[in-house]
C-alpha cells in the first residue's frame, strides 16, 4: 500500500517538474524570438548618425542582456530545485523501505 502511494507521489512530482521545465523552455524560446525581432527592426529603423538612437540602442541592449541573464539564473534555480525534489523523493523511498524491515 505504501509503495503504491510512494509511486503516486513520485509520478505527480515528476509530472510537475516536467511541466515546469517545458514551460521554462517555451518561455525562453518566446523571449529569444521576440528579442531577435525587436533587434532586427530596431537596426533597420535606427539612424546610426543620430547619437540619441545609438544611446537608446545601447540602453535597450543592456536591459535585454539583464533579462537574458535573469532567465538563465531562473533556469538554473529551477534545475537545482528539481534535483532537490528528486533527492527528497529518493530519501523518502529509502526511509519507507527501511521502516518496512
Protein backbone atom coordinates (compact mmCIF):
# COMPACT_ATOMS: atom_id res chain seq x y z
CA UNK A 1 0.00 0.00 0.00
CA UNK A 2 2.77 2.43 0.94
CA UNK A 3 4.67 1.50 -2.24
CA UNK A 4 1.67 2.46 -4.40
CA UNK A 5 1.34 5.74 -2.51
CA UNK A 6 5.03 6.49 -2.98
CA UNK A 7 4.86 5.72 -6.71
CA UNK A 8 1.84 8.02 -6.98
CA UNK A 9 3.67 10.84 -5.17
CA UNK A 10 6.76 10.31 -7.30
CA UNK A 11 4.73 10.32 -10.52
CA UNK A 12 2.93 13.54 -9.63
CA UNK A 13 6.17 15.24 -8.63
CA UNK A 14 7.92 14.22 -11.84
CA UNK A 15 4.94 15.39 -13.91
CA UNK A 16 5.10 18.81 -12.25
CA UNK A 17 8.84 19.01 -12.81
CA UNK A 18 8.49 18.13 -16.49
CA UNK A 19 5.71 20.68 -16.96
CA UNK A 20 7.78 23.36 -15.25
CA UNK A 21 10.82 22.65 -17.42
CA UNK A 22 8.71 22.61 -20.58
CA UNK A 23 7.16 25.98 -19.68
CA UNK A 24 10.58 27.43 -18.97
CA UNK A 25 11.92 26.27 -22.34
CA UNK A 26 8.88 27.69 -24.14
CA UNK A 27 9.32 30.99 -22.32
CA UNK A 28 12.98 31.21 -23.25
CA UNK A 29 12.23 30.42 -26.89
CA UNK A 30 9.44 33.04 -26.99
CA UNK A 31 11.74 35.60 -25.39
CA UNK A 32 14.51 34.90 -27.89
CA UNK A 33 12.16 35.19 -30.85
CA UNK A 34 10.68 38.49 -29.67
CA UNK A 35 14.06 39.88 -28.70
CA UNK A 36 15.58 38.97 -32.05
CA UNK A 37 12.65 40.52 -33.92
CA UNK A 38 12.99 43.72 -31.87
CA UNK A 39 16.72 43.83 -32.52
CA UNK A 40 16.30 43.43 -36.28
CA UNK A 41 13.53 46.04 -36.53
CA UNK A 42 15.49 48.50 -34.41
CA UNK A 43 18.58 48.07 -36.58
CA UNK A 44 16.53 48.66 -39.73
CA UNK A 45 14.85 51.80 -38.37
CA UNK A 46 17.82 53.21 -36.46
CA UNK A 47 19.69 56.23 -37.79
CA UNK A 48 23.33 55.46 -36.95
CA UNK A 49 24.34 59.12 -37.29
CA UNK A 50 21.91 60.18 -34.55
CA UNK A 51 23.55 59.85 -31.13
CA UNK A 52 20.20 59.52 -29.38
CA UNK A 53 19.36 56.48 -31.47
CA UNK A 54 22.71 54.92 -30.63
CA UNK A 55 22.18 55.67 -26.93
CA UNK A 56 18.70 54.12 -26.95
CA UNK A 57 20.08 51.09 -28.76
CA UNK A 58 22.83 50.65 -26.19
CA UNK A 59 20.41 51.11 -23.27
CA UNK A 60 17.93 48.60 -24.66
CA UNK A 61 20.75 46.16 -25.35
CA UNK A 62 21.90 46.42 -21.74
CA UNK A 63 18.34 45.97 -20.47
CA UNK A 64 17.75 42.88 -22.56
CA UNK A 65 21.12 41.47 -21.52
CA UNK A 66 19.98 41.76 -17.89
CA UNK A 67 16.74 39.99 -18.76
CA UNK A 68 18.64 37.21 -20.50
CA UNK A 69 20.94 36.75 -17.52
CA UNK A 70 17.87 36.69 -15.25
CA UNK A 71 16.27 33.96 -17.35
CA UNK A 72 19.45 31.90 -17.22
CA UNK A 73 19.63 32.26 -13.45
CA UNK A 74 15.96 31.32 -13.18
CA UNK A 75 16.58 28.21 -15.25
CA UNK A 76 19.50 27.21 -13.05
CA UNK A 77 17.38 27.76 -9.95
CA UNK A 78 14.59 25.57 -11.29
CA UNK A 79 17.09 22.88 -12.24
CA UNK A 80 18.56 22.96 -8.72
CA UNK A 81 15.11 22.78 -7.14
CA UNK A 82 14.25 19.86 -9.38
CA UNK A 83 17.33 17.98 -8.24
CA UNK A 84 16.48 18.70 -4.60
CA UNK A 85 12.95 17.43 -5.12
CA UNK A 86 14.13 14.23 -6.76
CA UNK A 87 16.64 13.69 -3.97
CA UNK A 88 13.91 14.19 -1.36
CA UNK A 89 11.74 11.60 -3.10
CA UNK A 90 14.61 9.12 -3.15
CA UNK A 91 15.28 9.71 0.55
CA UNK A 92 11.60 9.21 1.31
CA UNK A 93 11.67 5.93 -0.57
CA UNK A 94 14.75 4.82 1.38
CA UNK A 95 13.09 5.67 4.70
CA UNK A 96 9.92 3.83 3.77
CA UNK A 97 11.95 0.80 2.72
CA UNK A 98 13.90 0.86 6.00
CA UNK A 99 10.74 1.21 8.09
CA UNK A 100 9.25 -1.93 6.49
CA UNK A 101 12.18 -4.05 7.64
